[in-house]
Amino acid sequence: MILRRYGETVQSVELAFDSKALSEVGFRRDRAVSIPGEEFDGAYELVTVHELAETTEGDVHDEVESAMLRKLEGHVRSLQSELAEDEVLYVESKSGVDYPKTRSVTKNVIVEGENRLHFTVRLEPALRLGVYRRRG
């Protein structure tokens, strides 16, 4: 399960990574679990923090950005599958503070005598996910 804080509550979320969205690295509340923030803080303890960052390159911007987001999603799903029964993933990155965003650099390259664009897309800053375990 993935959790994220919204105001005073911690709620379960689903991944919503979309290269065409304003916020490419998104999470959508699924309303399956909602815990008051103070209750979560008292019931769970931090085990580890994972910082996920990706970089991809290619000739078509949207394809490159989509590939980077798919890789990132694969890493998140891998972390999720490794959780023990009493553990959850918690989105540590905070909106407006250190929330990840895709950044791209465009270069002109010459391929077989023709000018082409080459895109490098990276996630900056890294997406921080904490693994939390239920106390006791």
C-alpha atoms as a PDB file:
ATOM      1  CA  MET A   1       0.000   0.000   0.000  1.00  0.00           C
ATOM      2  CA  ILE A   2       1.198   3.521  -0.775  1.00  0.00           C
ATOM      3  CA  LEU A   3       0.240   6.370   1.563  1.00  0.00           C
ATOM      4  CA  ARG A   4       0.532  10.135   1.241  1.00  0.00           C
ATOM      5  CA  ARG A   5      -0.261  12.984   3.601  1.00  0.00           C
ATOM      6  CA  TYR A   6      -3.044  15.385   2.617  1.00  0.00           C
ATOM      7  CA  GLY A   7      -3.374  18.111   5.216  1.00  0.00           C
ATOM      8  CA  GLU A   8      -4.014  16.454   8.571  1.00  0.00           C
ATOM      9  CA  THR A   9      -4.742  12.965   7.184  1.00  0.00           C
ATOM     10  CA  VAL A  10      -2.706  10.190   5.615  1.00  0.00           C
ATOM     11  CA  GLN A  11      -4.549   8.505   2.752  1.00  0.00           C
ATOM     12  CA  SER A  12      -3.921   5.585   0.436  1.00  0.00           C
ATOM     13  CA  VAL A  13      -3.054   6.461  -3.161  1.00  0.00           C
ATOM     14  CA  GLU A  14      -2.564   4.932  -6.588  1.00  0.00           C
ATOM     15  CA  LEU A  15       0.200   5.834  -9.031  1.00  0.00           C
ATOM     16  CA  ALA A  16      -0.768   8.382 -11.684  1.00  0.00           C
ATOM     17  CA  PHE A  17       2.408   8.910 -13.722  1.00  0.00           C
ATOM     18  CA  ASP A  18       1.485  10.603 -17.007  1.00  0.00           C
ATOM     19  CA  SER A  19       3.764  12.503 -19.379  1.00  0.00           C
ATOM     20  CA  LYS A  20       0.838  14.603 -20.604  1.00  0.00           C
ATOM     21  CA  ALA A  21      -0.254  15.735 -17.118  1.00  0.00           C
ATOM     22  CA  LEU A  22       0.812  19.023 -15.548  1.00  0.00           C
ATOM     23  CA  SER A  23       2.319  17.064 -12.657  1.00  0.00           C
ATOM     24  CA  GLU A  24       3.828  14.046 -14.386  1.00  0.00           C
ATOM     25  CA  VAL A  25       4.648  12.238 -11.126  1.00  0.00           C
ATOM     26  CA  GLY A  26       1.221  12.086  -9.559  1.00  0.00           C
ATOM     27  CA  PHE A  27      -0.670  10.107  -6.980  1.00  0.00           C
ATOM     28  CA  ARG A  28      -4.451   9.750  -6.967  1.00  0.00           C
ATOM     29  CA  ARG A  29      -6.314   9.145  -3.719  1.00  0.00           C
ATOM     30  CA  ASP A  30      -8.174   5.842  -3.830  1.00  0.00           C
ATOM     31  CA  ARG A  31      -9.963   6.458  -0.497  1.00  0.00           C
ATOM     32  CA  ALA A  32      -9.353   2.846   0.626  1.00  0.00           C
ATOM     33  CA  VAL A  33      -7.521   4.008   3.774  1.00  0.00           C
ATOM     34  CA  SER A  34      -7.615   7.313   5.629  1.00  0.00           C
ATOM     35  CA  ILE A  35      -5.759   7.755   8.926  1.00  0.00           C
ATOM     36  CA  PRO A  36      -5.425  10.925  11.023  1.00  0.00           C
ATOM     37  CA  GLY A  37      -1.827  12.151  10.687  1.00  0.00           C
ATOM     38  CA  GLU A  38      -1.110  11.983  14.433  1.00  0.00           C
ATOM     39  CA  GLU A  39      -2.385   8.404  14.559  1.00  0.00           C
ATOM     40  CA  PHE A  40      -0.123   7.418  11.645  1.00  0.00           C
ATOM     41  CA  ASP A  41       2.892   9.096  13.299  1.00  0.00           C
ATOM     42  CA  GLY A  42       2.258   7.159  16.500  1.00  0.00           C
ATOM     43  CA  ALA A  43       1.486   3.806  14.866  1.00  0.00           C
ATOM     44  CA  TYR A  44       4.305   3.606  12.270  1.00  0.00           C
ATOM     45  CA  GLU A  45       8.073   4.018  12.370  1.00  0.00           C
ATOM     46  CA  LEU A  46      10.445   4.776   9.494  1.00  0.00           C
ATOM     47  CA  VAL A  47      12.562   1.819   8.360  1.00  0.00           C
ATOM     48  CA  THR A  48      14.291   3.130   5.213  1.00  0.00           C
ATOM     49  CA  VAL A  49      14.029   5.929   2.661  1.00  0.00           C
ATOM     50  CA  HIS A  50      14.455   5.317  -1.069  1.00  0.00           C
ATOM     51  CA  GLU A  51      15.306   8.136  -3.483  1.00  0.00           C
ATOM     52  CA  LEU A  52      14.216   7.282  -7.001  1.00  0.00           C
ATOM     53  CA  ALA A  53      15.599   9.242  -9.932  1.00  0.00           C
ATOM     54  CA  GLU A  54      15.643   8.319 -13.605  1.00  0.00           C
ATOM     55  CA  THR A  55      17.137   9.686 -16.807  1.00  0.00           C
ATOM     56  CA  THR A  56      16.281   8.657 -20.374  1.00  0.00           C
ATOM     57  CA  GLU A  57      17.322   9.854 -23.813  1.00  0.00           C
ATOM     58  CA  GLY A  58      15.880   9.689 -27.302  1.00  0.00           C
ATOM     59  CA  ASP A  59      14.545  11.434 -30.385  1.00  0.00           C
ATOM     60  CA  VAL A  60      10.859  11.976 -29.510  1.00  0.00           C
ATOM     61  CA  HIS A  61      10.206  14.026 -26.377  1.00  0.00           C
ATOM     62  CA  ASP A  62       6.939  12.436 -25.263  1.00  0.00           C
ATOM     63  CA  GLU A  63       8.289   8.915 -25.846  1.00  0.00           C
ATOM     64  CA  VAL A  64      11.418   9.686 -23.827  1.00  0.00           C
ATOM     65  CA  GLU A  65       9.422  11.209 -20.963  1.00  0.00           C
ATOM     66  CA  SER A  66       6.936   8.298 -20.987  1.00  0.00           C
ATOM     67  CA  ALA A  67       9.791   5.777 -20.896  1.00  0.00           C
ATOM     68  CA  MET A  68      11.344   7.560 -17.911  1.00  0.00           C
ATOM     69  CA  LEU A  69       8.002   7.519 -16.066  1.00  0.00           C
ATOM     70  CA  ARG A  70       7.502   3.802 -16.847  1.00  0.00           C
ATOM     71  CA  LYS A  71      10.932   3.035 -15.379  1.00  0.00           C
ATOM     72  CA  LEU A  72      10.101   5.081 -12.296  1.00  0.00           C
ATOM     73  CA  GLU A  73       6.762   3.292 -11.935  1.00  0.00           C
ATOM     74  CA  GLY A  74       8.556  -0.053 -12.206  1.00  0.00           C
ATOM     75  CA  HIS A  75      10.860   0.900  -9.330  1.00  0.00           C
ATOM     76  CA  VAL A  76       7.915   1.986  -7.163  1.00  0.00           C
ATOM     77  CA  ARG A  77       6.015  -1.235  -7.899  1.00  0.00           C
ATOM     78  CA  SER A  78       9.138  -3.259  -7.095  1.00  0.00           C
ATOM     79  CA  LEU A  79       9.461  -1.526  -3.712  1.00  0.00           C
ATOM     80  CA  GLN A  80       5.768  -2.112  -3.110  1.00  0.00           C
ATOM     81  CA  SER A  81       6.074  -5.843  -3.875  1.00  0.00           C
ATOM     82  CA  GLU A  82       8.949  -6.191  -1.384  1.00  0.00           C
ATOM     83  CA  LEU A  83       6.958  -4.797   1.559  1.00  0.00           C
ATOM     84  CA  ALA A  84       6.302  -7.042   4.525  1.00  0.00           C
ATOM     85  CA  GLU A  85       2.702  -7.456   5.696  1.00  0.00           C
ATOM     86  CA  ASP A  86       3.079  -4.768   8.396  1.00  0.00           C
ATOM     87  CA  GLU A  87       4.863  -2.239   6.117  1.00  0.00           C
ATOM     88  CA  VAL A  88       3.670   0.585   3.854  1.00  0.00           C
ATOM     89  CA  LEU A  89       5.290   2.947   1.356  1.00  0.00           C
ATOM     90  CA  TYR A  90       4.882   6.599   2.291  1.00  0.00           C
ATOM     91  CA  VAL A  91       5.473   9.493  -0.117  1.00  0.00           C
ATOM     92  CA  GLU A  92       8.088  11.629   1.650  1.00  0.00           C
ATOM     93  CA  SER A  93       8.372  14.234  -1.157  1.00  0.00           C
ATOM     94  CA  LYS A  94       6.323  17.316  -0.276  1.00  0.00           C
ATOM     95  CA  SER A  95       4.341  19.414  -2.762  1.00  0.00           C
ATOM     96  CA  GLY A  96       5.795  22.896  -3.105  1.00  0.00           C
ATOM     97  CA  VAL A  97       8.992  21.935  -1.276  1.00  0.00           C
ATOM     98  CA  ASP A  98      10.876  19.069  -2.925  1.00  0.00           C
ATOM     99  CA  TYR A  99       8.317  17.446  -5.182  1.00  0.00           C
ATOM    100  CA  PRO A 100       9.799  15.749  -8.280  1.00  0.00           C
ATOM    101  CA  LYS A 101       9.304  17.164 -11.756  1.00  0.00           C
ATOM    102  CA  THR A 102      10.579  16.061 -15.135  1.00  0.00           C
ATOM    103  CA  ARG A 103      13.280  18.283 -16.611  1.00  0.00           C
ATOM    104  CA  SER A 104      14.433  18.052 -20.191  1.00  0.00           C
ATOM    105  CA  VAL A 105      17.429  19.192 -22.196  1.00  0.00           C
ATOM    106  CA  THR A 106      17.181  19.451 -25.975  1.00  0.00           C
ATOM    107  CA  LYS A 107      20.243  19.260 -28.221  1.00  0.00           C
ATOM    108  CA  ASN A 108      20.648  19.571 -31.953  1.00  0.00           C
ATOM    109  CA  VAL A 109      22.579  16.626 -33.375  1.00  0.00           C
ATOM    110  CA  ILE A 110      23.551  15.732 -36.902  1.00  0.00           C
ATOM    111  CA  VAL A 111      22.462  12.274 -38.059  1.00  0.00           C
ATOM    112  CA  GLU A 112      23.453  11.208 -41.568  1.00  0.00           C
ATOM    113  CA  GLY A 113      23.953  14.844 -42.555  1.00  0.00           C
ATOM    114  CA  GLU A 114      20.571  16.033 -41.202  1.00  0.00           C
ATOM    115  CA  ASN A 115      19.809  18.151 -38.147  1.00  0.00           C
ATOM    116  CA  ARG A 116      17.820  16.239 -35.516  1.00  0.00           C
ATOM    117  CA  LEU A 117      16.671  16.938 -32.007  1.00  0.00           C
ATOM    118  CA  HIS A 118      17.864  14.743 -29.152  1.00  0.00           C
ATOM    119  CA  PHE A 119      16.112  14.856 -25.776  1.00  0.00           C
ATOM    120  CA  THR A 120      17.439  13.975 -22.337  1.00  0.00           C
ATOM    121  CA  VAL A 121      14.729  13.789 -19.653  1.00  0.00           C
ATOM    122  CA  ARG A 122      15.487  13.416 -15.956  1.00  0.00           C
ATOM    123  CA  LEU A 123      13.524  13.485 -12.724  1.00  0.00           C
ATOM    124  CA  GLU A 124      14.573  16.270 -10.373  1.00  0.00           C
ATOM    125  CA  PRO A 125      14.582  16.208  -7.429  1.00  0.00           C
ATOM    126  CA  ALA A 126      14.355  12.482  -6.767  1.00  0.00           C
ATOM    127  CA  LEU A 127      11.062  10.948  -5.632  1.00  0.00           C
ATOM    128  CA  ARG A 128      11.502  10.060  -1.956  1.00  0.00           C
ATOM    129  CA  LEU A 129       9.539   7.099  -0.617  1.00  0.00           C
ATOM    130  CA  GLY A 130       9.811   5.865   2.951  1.00  0.00           C
ATOM    131  CA  VAL A 131       9.166   2.324   4.080  1.00  0.00           C
ATOM    132  CA  TYR A 132       7.259   2.453   7.368  1.00  0.00           C
ATOM    133  CA  ARG A 133       6.576  -0.465   9.676  1.00  0.00           C
ATOM    134  CA  ARG A 134       3.733  -0.720  12.177  1.00  0.00           C
ATOM    135  CA  ARG A 135       5.103  -0.381  15.722  1.00  0.00           C
ATOM    136  CA  GLY A 136       4.881  -3.275  18.128  1.00  0.00           C
END
